[in-house]
C-alpha atoms as a PDB file:
ATOM      1  CA  UNK A   1     170.085  29.918  83.302  1.00  0.00           C
ATOM      2  CA  UNK A   2     167.375  28.536  85.521  1.00  0.00           C
ATOM      3  CA  UNK A   3     164.656  30.313  83.344  1.00  0.00           C
ATOM      4  CA  UNK A   4     166.087  28.771  80.258  1.00  0.00           C
ATOM      5  CA  UNK A   5     166.138  25.262  81.677  1.00  0.00           C
ATOM      6  CA  UNK A   6     162.651  25.722  83.098  1.00  0.00           C
ATOM      7  CA  UNK A   7     161.251  26.839  79.614  1.00  0.00           C
ATOM      8  CA  UNK A   8     163.002  23.786  77.908  1.00  0.00           C
ATOM      9  CA  UNK A   9     161.633  21.500  80.593  1.00  0.00           C
ATOM     10  CA  UNK A  10     158.175  22.848  80.010  1.00  0.00           C
ATOM     11  CA  UNK A  11     158.359  22.615  76.185  1.00  0.00           C
ATOM     12  CA  UNK A  12     159.800  19.099  76.269  1.00  0.00           C
ATOM     13  CA  UNK A  13     156.890  18.071  78.651  1.00  0.00           C
ATOM     14  CA  UNK A  14     154.258  19.441  76.320  1.00  0.00           C
ATOM     15  CA  UNK A  15     156.006  17.621  73.347  1.00  0.00           C
ATOM     16  CA  UNK A  16     155.999  14.417  75.243  1.00  0.00           C
ATOM     17  CA  UNK A  17     152.278  14.796  75.889  1.00  0.00           C
ATOM     18  CA  UNK A  18     151.729  15.444  72.245  1.00  0.00           C
ATOM     19  CA  UNK A  19     153.681  12.521  71.033  1.00  0.00           C
ATOM     20  CA  UNK A  20     151.981  10.112  73.350  1.00  0.00           C
ATOM     21  CA  UNK A  21     148.621  11.321  72.220  1.00  0.00           C
ATOM     22  CA  UNK A  22     149.622  10.721  68.482  1.00  0.00           C
ATOM     23  CA  UNK A  23     150.703   7.192  69.113  1.00  0.00           C
ATOM     24  CA  UNK A  24     148.219   4.257  68.675  1.00  0.00           C
ATOM     25  CA  UNK A  25     147.748   1.622  71.350  1.00  0.00           C
ATOM     26  CA  UNK A  26     148.538  -2.039  70.761  1.00  0.00           C
ATOM     27  CA  UNK A  27     144.945  -2.828  70.148  1.00  0.00           C
ATOM     28  CA  UNK A  28     144.634  -0.530  67.219  1.00  0.00           C
ATOM     29  CA  UNK A  29     147.071  -2.789  65.164  1.00  0.00           C
ATOM     30  CA  UNK A  30     144.614  -5.654  65.331  1.00  0.00           C
ATOM     31  CA  UNK A  31     142.061  -3.827  63.063  1.00  0.00           C
ATOM     32  CA  UNK A  32     144.833  -2.617  60.720  1.00  0.00           C
ATOM     33  CA  UNK A  33     145.996  -6.225  60.050  1.00  0.00           C
ATOM     34  CA  UNK A  34     142.600  -7.138  58.600  1.00  0.00           C
ATOM     35  CA  UNK A  35     142.717  -4.244  56.150  1.00  0.00           C
ATOM     36  CA  UNK A  36     140.790  -1.666  58.233  1.00  0.00           C
ATOM     37  CA  UNK A  37     142.517   1.487  58.110  1.00  0.00           C
ATOM     38  CA  UNK A  38     145.800   0.326  56.859  1.00  0.00           C
ATOM     39  CA  UNK A  39     145.985   2.925  54.092  1.00  0.00           C
ATOM     40  CA  UNK A  40     145.074   5.710  56.433  1.00  0.00           C
ATOM     41  CA  UNK A  41     148.257   5.798  58.493  1.00  0.00           C
ATOM     42  CA  UNK A  42     150.394   8.924  58.404  1.00  0.00           C
ATOM     43  CA  UNK A  43     153.753   7.052  58.099  1.00  0.00           C
ATOM     44  CA  UNK A  44     152.662   4.254  55.717  1.00  0.00           C
ATOM     45  CA  UNK A  45     151.515   0.755  56.327  1.00  0.00           C
ATOM     46  CA  UNK A  46     154.242  -0.123  58.809  1.00  0.00           C
ATOM     47  CA  UNK A  47     152.608   2.315  61.307  1.00  0.00           C
ATOM     48  CA  UNK A  48     153.862   5.185  63.247  1.00  0.00           C
ATOM     49  CA  UNK A  49     155.315   3.274  66.227  1.00  0.00           C
ATOM     50  CA  UNK A  50     158.917   3.289  65.265  1.00  0.00           C
ATOM     51  CA  UNK A  51     159.395   6.971  64.576  1.00  0.00           C
ATOM     52  CA  UNK A  52     157.149   8.272  67.360  1.00  0.00           C
ATOM     53  CA  UNK A  53     158.671   5.826  69.894  1.00  0.00           C
ATOM     54  CA  UNK A  54     162.192   6.967  69.218  1.00  0.00           C
ATOM     55  CA  UNK A  55     161.221  10.677  69.338  1.00  0.00           C
ATOM     56  CA  UNK A  56     159.430  10.030  72.727  1.00  0.00           C
ATOM     57  CA  UNK A  57     162.310   8.195  74.086  1.00  0.00           C
ATOM     58  CA  UNK A  58     164.693  11.116  73.216  1.00  0.00           C
ATOM     59  CA  UNK A  59     162.267  13.668  74.733  1.00  0.00           C
ATOM     60  CA  UNK A  60     161.948  11.557  77.779  1.00  0.00           C
ATOM     61  CA  UNK A  61     165.719  11.517  78.209  1.00  0.00           C
ATOM     62  CA  UNK A  62     165.897  15.309  77.823  1.00  0.00           C
ATOM     63  CA  UNK A  63     163.037  15.679  80.302  1.00  0.00           C
ATOM     64  CA  UNK A  64     164.988  13.713  82.891  1.00  0.00           C
ATOM     65  CA  UNK A  65     168.120  15.663  82.186  1.00  0.00           C
ATOM     66  CA  UNK A  66     166.341  19.028  82.641  1.00  0.00           C
ATOM     67  CA  UNK A  67     164.648  17.763  85.787  1.00  0.00           C
ATOM     68  CA  UNK A  68     168.082  16.800  87.261  1.00  0.00           C
ATOM     69  CA  UNK A  69     169.561  20.155  86.146  1.00  0.00           C
ATOM     70  CA  UNK A  70     166.645  22.013  87.833  1.00  0.00           C
ATOM     71  CA  UNK A  71     167.147  19.840  91.045  1.00  0.00           C
ATOM     72  CA  UNK A  72     170.803  20.781  91.151  1.00  0.00           C
ATOM     73  CA  UNK A  73     170.046  24.452  90.685  1.00  0.00           C
ATOM     74  CA  UNK A  74     167.491  24.431  93.504  1.00  0.00           C
ATOM     75  CA  UNK A  75     169.722  22.630  95.807  1.00  0.00           C
ATOM     76  CA  UNK A  76     172.420  25.279  95.430  1.00  0.00           C
ATOM     77  CA  UNK A  77     169.972  27.997  96.268  1.00  0.00           C
ATOM     78  CA  UNK A  78     168.463  26.394  99.380  1.00  0.00           C
ATOM     79  CA  UNK A  79     169.535  27.522 102.876  1.00  0.00           C
ATOM     80  CA  UNK A  80     168.262  27.638 106.310  1.00  0.00           C
ATOM     81  CA  UNK A  81     165.739  30.516 106.638  1.00  0.00           C
ATOM     82  CA  UNK A  82     162.948  31.318 109.088  1.00  0.00           C
ATOM     83  CA  UNK A  83     159.416  30.730 107.996  1.00  0.00           C
ATOM     84  CA  UNK A  84     158.783  34.526 107.862  1.00  0.00           C
ATOM     85  CA  UNK A  85     162.348  35.525 107.101  1.00  0.00           C
ATOM     86  CA  UNK A  86     162.734  37.334 110.328  1.00  0.00           C
ATOM     87  CA  UNK A  87     165.635  37.760 112.575  1.00  0.00           C
ATOM     88  CA  UNK A  88     164.389  36.652 116.028  1.00  0.00           C
ATOM     89  CA  UNK A  89     166.471  37.880 118.985  1.00  0.00           C
ATOM     90  CA  UNK A  90     165.684  36.201 122.219  1.00  0.00           C
ATOM     91  CA  UNK A  91     166.688  38.250 125.298  1.00  0.00           C
ATOM     92  CA  UNK A  92     169.081  36.423 127.716  1.00  0.00           C
ATOM     93  CA  UNK A  93     166.474  37.068 130.611  1.00  0.00           C
ATOM     94  CA  UNK A  94     163.899  34.911 128.805  1.00  0.00           C
ATOM     95  CA  UNK A  95     166.378  32.120 128.443  1.00  0.00           C
ATOM     96  CA  UNK A  96     166.982  31.817 132.109  1.00  0.00           C
ATOM     97  CA  UNK A  97     164.884  29.238 133.829  1.00  0.00           C
ATOM     98  CA  UNK A  98     163.892  29.795 137.470  1.00  0.00           C
ATOM     99  CA  UNK A  99     163.974  26.639 139.423  1.00  0.00           C
ATOM    100  CA  UNK A 100     162.322  26.465 142.864  1.00  0.00           C
ATOM    101  CA  UNK A 101     164.953  25.929 145.528  1.00  0.00           C
ATOM    102  CA  UNK A 102     163.070  25.467 148.741  1.00  0.00           C
ATOM    103  CA  UNK A 103     159.674  23.975 149.816  1.00  0.00           C
ATOM    104  CA  UNK A 104     158.255  27.390 150.283  1.00  0.00           C
ATOM    105  CA  UNK A 105     158.636  28.033 146.469  1.00  0.00           C
ATOM    106  CA  UNK A 106     156.380  25.084 145.700  1.00  0.00           C
ATOM    107  CA  UNK A 107     152.672  25.813 145.535  1.00  0.00           C
ATOM    108  CA  UNK A 108     150.500  24.034 148.134  1.00  0.00           C
ATOM    109  CA  UNK A 109     147.790  22.255 146.217  1.00  0.00           C
ATOM    110  CA  UNK A 110     145.696  20.868 149.249  1.00  0.00           C
ATOM    111  CA  UNK A 111     144.285  24.328 150.094  1.00  0.00           C
ATOM    112  CA  UNK A 112     143.304  25.176 146.607  1.00  0.00           C
ATOM    113  CA  UNK A 113     141.445  21.970 145.947  1.00  0.00           C
ATOM    114  CA  UNK A 114     137.690  22.237 146.947  1.00  0.00           C
ATOM    115  CA  UNK A 115     136.437  19.429 149.295  1.00  0.00           C
ATOM    116  CA  UNK A 116     134.414  16.763 147.597  1.00  0.00           C
ATOM    117  CA  UNK A 117     130.719  16.893 148.255  1.00  0.00           C
ATOM    118  CA  UNK A 118     128.561  13.887 149.140  1.00  0.00           C
ATOM    119  CA  UNK A 119     126.478  12.297 146.365  1.00  0.00           C
ATOM    120  CA  UNK A 120     122.804  13.309 146.260  1.00  0.00           C
ATOM    121  CA  UNK A 121     120.323  11.258 148.082  1.00  0.00           C
ATOM    122  CA  UNK A 122     117.897   9.128 146.130  1.00  0.00           C
ATOM    123  CA  UNK A 123     114.876  11.373 147.056  1.00  0.00           C
ATOM    124  CA  UNK A 124     116.812  14.465 145.782  1.00  0.00           C
ATOM    125  CA  UNK A 125     116.965  13.154 142.180  1.00  0.00           C
ATOM    126  CA  UNK A 126     113.742  13.959 140.264  1.00  0.00           C
ATOM    127  CA  UNK A 127     111.876  11.109 138.643  1.00  0.00           C
ATOM    128  CA  UNK A 128     110.612  11.288 134.976  1.00  0.00           C
ATOM    129  CA  UNK A 129     106.984  10.638 134.654  1.00  0.00           C
END
């Protein structure tokens, strides 16, 4: 069913593109009113706006309906899945958090930090010539 709706959706989209490309812009009617190209229209001197506009409107309505149908089908299929579709089992030992209980369990940072050295004297810094 989804494949049929998807194919209808694609064909309707292509038909809408074709109909829009066939239609003339509003500026094209200005030249036709002065006699330039009035006899060359496919649907007579009234122009093609009425027939093509109605066909485009019906195809747009069908396009929105098929879009809505595809959205409903997609929402029914969706579910919570891992990114890699793997069942991840975490052992219970990894879930346990070990919290230090006494002062002996805390690390002593003063012994691990090296002592700061004095800044170099002015005569120790080389000068650029």
